[in-house]
Amino acid sequence: MRTPPTDRLSSTFAALADPTRRAILARLASGEAPVTELAAPFSMSLPAISKHLKVLEGAGLITRGREAQWRPCRLEATPLKEATDWLARYERFWSEGLDRLAAFLESDSTSAASSELAKPRARRAAARKTPRRK
């Protein structure tokens, strides 16, 4: 049964909320792997890893094949693409903020640099106006 896109999006974000599941997806980005290989970097039991895999599978982020006794897991990118597309709608909000920050920092550094350049000039001008003692 296929879930509606909003529910699928919620499932995707819920699955991505866990760092272990994100690490599993990162590993699967380089190719399919059996459960034992996916479990190797973690200090948790195989049943615990299987629970994480069930969440990822339920969200449609992975599929599990069957080759004899080997059950390779594969990354499914479609839900990630849907999440990326959803997030892209809001990109302008953080892009505009970053653009304003960059402009502020540039103007601030320019004004700081020009004031630093002005200091030696002001000292030289003051030195010229000050009468020399004999």
C-alpha atoms as a PDB file:
ATOM      1  CA  MET A   1       0.000   0.000   0.000  1.00  0.00           C
ATOM      2  CA  ARG A   2       1.373   3.390  -0.984  1.00  0.00           C
ATOM      3  CA  THR A   3       1.228   6.190   1.560  1.00  0.00           C
ATOM      4  CA  PRO A   4       0.216   9.743   0.619  1.00  0.00           C
ATOM      5  CA  PRO A   5       3.173  12.062  -0.077  1.00  0.00           C
ATOM      6  CA  THR A   6       2.758  14.063   3.139  1.00  0.00           C
ATOM      7  CA  ASP A   7       2.765  10.876   5.208  1.00  0.00           C
ATOM      8  CA  ARG A   8       5.737   9.593   3.240  1.00  0.00           C
ATOM      9  CA  LEU A   9       7.547  12.865   3.869  1.00  0.00           C
ATOM     10  CA  SER A  10       6.834  12.566   7.585  1.00  0.00           C
ATOM     11  CA  SER A  11       8.139   8.994   7.541  1.00  0.00           C
ATOM     12  CA  THR A  12      11.268  10.113   5.715  1.00  0.00           C
ATOM     13  CA  PHE A  13      12.047  12.854   8.208  1.00  0.00           C
ATOM     14  CA  ALA A  14      11.255  10.581  11.165  1.00  0.00           C
ATOM     15  CA  ALA A  15      13.643   7.954   9.791  1.00  0.00           C
ATOM     16  CA  LEU A  16      16.347  10.563   9.170  1.00  0.00           C
ATOM     17  CA  ALA A  17      16.020  11.896  12.718  1.00  0.00           C
ATOM     18  CA  ASP A  18      18.158   9.064  14.109  1.00  0.00           C
ATOM     19  CA  PRO A  19      21.963   9.272  13.662  1.00  0.00           C
ATOM     20  CA  THR A  20      22.301   5.474  13.405  1.00  0.00           C
ATOM     21  CA  ARG A  21      19.853   5.363  10.519  1.00  0.00           C
ATOM     22  CA  ARG A  22      21.615   8.277   8.798  1.00  0.00           C
ATOM     23  CA  ALA A  23      24.920   6.399   9.142  1.00  0.00           C
ATOM     24  CA  ILE A  24      23.337   3.279   7.641  1.00  0.00           C
ATOM     25  CA  LEU A  25      22.068   5.340   4.698  1.00  0.00           C
ATOM     26  CA  ALA A  26      25.508   6.898   4.252  1.00  0.00           C
ATOM     27  CA  ARG A  27      27.029   3.424   4.043  1.00  0.00           C
ATOM     28  CA  LEU A  28      24.377   2.259   1.571  1.00  0.00           C
ATOM     29  CA  ALA A  29      25.111   5.274  -0.640  1.00  0.00           C
ATOM     30  CA  SER A  30      28.286   3.459  -1.694  1.00  0.00           C
ATOM     31  CA  GLY A  31      26.419   0.258  -2.594  1.00  0.00           C
ATOM     32  CA  GLU A  32      24.310  -2.542  -1.235  1.00  0.00           C
ATOM     33  CA  ALA A  33      25.375  -4.386   1.894  1.00  0.00           C
ATOM     34  CA  PRO A  34      24.187  -7.248   4.106  1.00  0.00           C
ATOM     35  CA  VAL A  35      22.823  -6.578   7.591  1.00  0.00           C
ATOM     36  CA  THR A  36      25.964  -7.924   9.288  1.00  0.00           C
ATOM     37  CA  GLU A  37      28.132  -5.457   7.389  1.00  0.00           C
ATOM     38  CA  LEU A  38      25.779  -2.584   8.215  1.00  0.00           C
ATOM     39  CA  ALA A  39      25.838  -3.560  11.897  1.00  0.00           C
ATOM     40  CA  ALA A  40      29.642  -3.824  12.151  1.00  0.00           C
ATOM     41  CA  PRO A  41      30.430  -0.154  13.011  1.00  0.00           C
ATOM     42  CA  PHE A  42      27.812  -0.001  15.778  1.00  0.00           C
ATOM     43  CA  SER A  43      27.970  -1.313  19.315  1.00  0.00           C
ATOM     44  CA  MET A  44      24.463  -2.722  19.232  1.00  0.00           C
ATOM     45  CA  SER A  45      22.869  -6.088  18.640  1.00  0.00           C
ATOM     46  CA  LEU A  46      21.701  -7.388  15.267  1.00  0.00           C
ATOM     47  CA  PRO A  47      18.049  -7.202  16.432  1.00  0.00           C
ATOM     48  CA  ALA A  48      18.562  -3.500  17.229  1.00  0.00           C
ATOM     49  CA  ILE A  49      20.042  -2.894  13.770  1.00  0.00           C
ATOM     50  CA  SER A  50      17.131  -4.835  12.265  1.00  0.00           C
ATOM     51  CA  LYS A  51      14.704  -2.445  13.977  1.00  0.00           C
ATOM     52  CA  HIS A  52      16.509   0.511  12.416  1.00  0.00           C
ATOM     53  CA  LEU A  53      16.367  -1.211   9.038  1.00  0.00           C
ATOM     54  CA  LYS A  54      12.618  -1.786   9.431  1.00  0.00           C
ATOM     55  CA  VAL A  55      12.107   1.933  10.052  1.00  0.00           C
ATOM     56  CA  LEU A  56      14.190   2.783   6.969  1.00  0.00           C
ATOM     57  CA  GLU A  57      12.321   0.198   4.925  1.00  0.00           C
ATOM     58  CA  GLY A  58       8.954   1.477   6.185  1.00  0.00           C
ATOM     59  CA  ALA A  59       9.907   4.977   5.076  1.00  0.00           C
ATOM     60  CA  GLY A  60      10.850   3.622   1.652  1.00  0.00           C
ATOM     61  CA  LEU A  61      14.490   4.652   2.090  1.00  0.00           C
ATOM     62  CA  ILE A  62      15.835   1.123   1.633  1.00  0.00           C
ATOM     63  CA  THR A  63      14.767  -2.151   0.086  1.00  0.00           C
ATOM     64  CA  ARG A  64      15.938  -5.587   1.075  1.00  0.00           C
ATOM     65  CA  GLY A  65      16.591  -8.244  -1.502  1.00  0.00           C
ATOM     66  CA  ARG A  66      16.876 -11.965  -1.103  1.00  0.00           C
ATOM     67  CA  GLU A  67      19.770 -13.926  -2.513  1.00  0.00           C
ATOM     68  CA  ALA A  68      19.843 -17.349  -0.843  1.00  0.00           C
ATOM     69  CA  GLN A  69      20.565 -16.602   2.819  1.00  0.00           C
ATOM     70  CA  TRP A  70      21.992 -13.175   2.071  1.00  0.00           C
ATOM     71  CA  ARG A  71      19.545 -10.246   2.393  1.00  0.00           C
ATOM     72  CA  PRO A  72      21.297  -7.253   0.833  1.00  0.00           C
ATOM     73  CA  CYS A  73      19.968  -3.793   1.648  1.00  0.00           C
ATOM     74  CA  ARG A  74      19.841  -1.117  -1.042  1.00  0.00           C
ATOM     75  CA  LEU A  75      19.341   2.631  -0.797  1.00  0.00           C
ATOM     76  CA  GLU A  76      16.192   3.995  -2.412  1.00  0.00           C
ATOM     77  CA  ALA A  77      16.709   7.636  -3.336  1.00  0.00           C
ATOM     78  CA  THR A  78      13.147   8.682  -4.250  1.00  0.00           C
ATOM     79  CA  PRO A  79      12.049   9.620  -0.699  1.00  0.00           C
ATOM     80  CA  LEU A  80      15.277  11.603  -0.241  1.00  0.00           C
ATOM     81  CA  LYS A  81      14.564  13.466  -3.474  1.00  0.00           C
ATOM     82  CA  GLU A  82      11.052  14.273  -2.259  1.00  0.00           C
ATOM     83  CA  ALA A  83      12.456  15.589   1.041  1.00  0.00           C
ATOM     84  CA  THR A  84      15.059  17.661  -0.824  1.00  0.00           C
ATOM     85  CA  ASP A  85      12.375  19.111  -3.106  1.00  0.00           C
ATOM     86  CA  TRP A  86      10.265  20.028  -0.077  1.00  0.00           C
ATOM     87  CA  LEU A  87      13.223  21.693   1.651  1.00  0.00           C
ATOM     88  CA  ALA A  88      14.167  23.567  -1.541  1.00  0.00           C
ATOM     89  CA  ARG A  89      10.945  25.576  -1.252  1.00  0.00           C
ATOM     90  CA  TYR A  90      12.384  27.166   1.891  1.00  0.00           C
ATOM     91  CA  GLU A  91      15.925  27.645   0.633  1.00  0.00           C
ATOM     92  CA  ARG A  92      15.355  31.303  -0.160  1.00  0.00           C
ATOM     93  CA  PHE A  93      14.782  32.031   3.525  1.00  0.00           C
ATOM     94  CA  TRP A  94      18.221  30.889   4.592  1.00  0.00           C
ATOM     95  CA  SER A  95      19.887  32.048   1.355  1.00  0.00           C
ATOM     96  CA  GLU A  96      18.614  35.594   1.829  1.00  0.00           C
ATOM     97  CA  GLY A  97      19.778  35.554   5.437  1.00  0.00           C
ATOM     98  CA  LEU A  98      23.227  34.340   4.434  1.00  0.00           C
ATOM     99  CA  ASP A  99      23.416  36.957   1.672  1.00  0.00           C
ATOM    100  CA  ARG A 100      22.562  39.696   4.187  1.00  0.00           C
ATOM    101  CA  LEU A 101      25.169  38.359   6.612  1.00  0.00           C
ATOM    102  CA  ALA A 102      27.825  38.286   3.874  1.00  0.00           C
ATOM    103  CA  ALA A 103      26.978  41.870   2.847  1.00  0.00           C
ATOM    104  CA  PHE A 104      27.136  43.006   6.480  1.00  0.00           C
ATOM    105  CA  LEU A 105      30.481  41.322   7.070  1.00  0.00           C
ATOM    106  CA  GLU A 106      31.867  42.755   3.851  1.00  0.00           C
ATOM    107  CA  SER A 107      30.717  46.295   4.672  1.00  0.00           C
ATOM    108  CA  ASP A 108      31.922  45.925   8.261  1.00  0.00           C
ATOM    109  CA  SER A 109      35.350  44.714   7.186  1.00  0.00           C
ATOM    110  CA  THR A 110      35.553  47.448   4.539  1.00  0.00           C
ATOM    111  CA  SER A 111      34.716  50.156   7.059  1.00  0.00           C
ATOM    112  CA  ALA A 112      37.135  48.622   9.592  1.00  0.00           C
ATOM    113  CA  ALA A 113      39.870  48.471   6.970  1.00  0.00           C
ATOM    114  CA  SER A 114      39.273  52.060   5.854  1.00  0.00           C
ATOM    115  CA  SER A 115      39.328  53.283   9.465  1.00  0.00           C
ATOM    116  CA  GLU A 116      42.609  51.420  10.024  1.00  0.00           C
ATOM    117  CA  LEU A 117      44.010  53.040   6.881  1.00  0.00           C
ATOM    118  CA  ALA A 118      42.838  56.448   8.077  1.00  0.00           C
ATOM    119  CA  LYS A 119      44.676  56.224  11.411  1.00  0.00           C
ATOM    120  CA  PRO A 120      48.228  56.561  10.009  1.00  0.00           C
ATOM    121  CA  ARG A 121      47.073  59.404   7.762  1.00  0.00           C
ATOM    122  CA  ALA A 122      45.565  61.224  10.739  1.00  0.00           C
ATOM    123  CA  ARG A 123      48.781  60.749  12.733  1.00  0.00           C
ATOM    124  CA  ARG A 124      50.903  62.128   9.874  1.00  0.00           C
ATOM    125  CA  ALA A 125      48.572  65.106   9.471  1.00  0.00           C
ATOM    126  CA  ALA A 126      48.673  65.813  13.209  1.00  0.00           C
ATOM    127  CA  ALA A 127      52.470  65.538  13.187  1.00  0.00           C
ATOM    128  CA  ARG A 128      52.681  68.132  10.411  1.00  0.00           C
ATOM    129  CA  LYS A 129      50.503  70.572  12.326  1.00  0.00           C
ATOM    130  CA  THR A 130      52.407  70.193  15.571  1.00  0.00           C
ATOM    131  CA  PRO A 131      55.302  72.644  15.753  1.00  0.00           C
ATOM    132  CA  ARG A 132      58.681  71.038  16.178  1.00  0.00           C
ATOM    133  CA  ARG A 133      60.693  71.874  19.260  1.00  0.00           C
ATOM    134  CA  LYS A 134      64.177  73.138  18.876  1.00  0.00           C
END
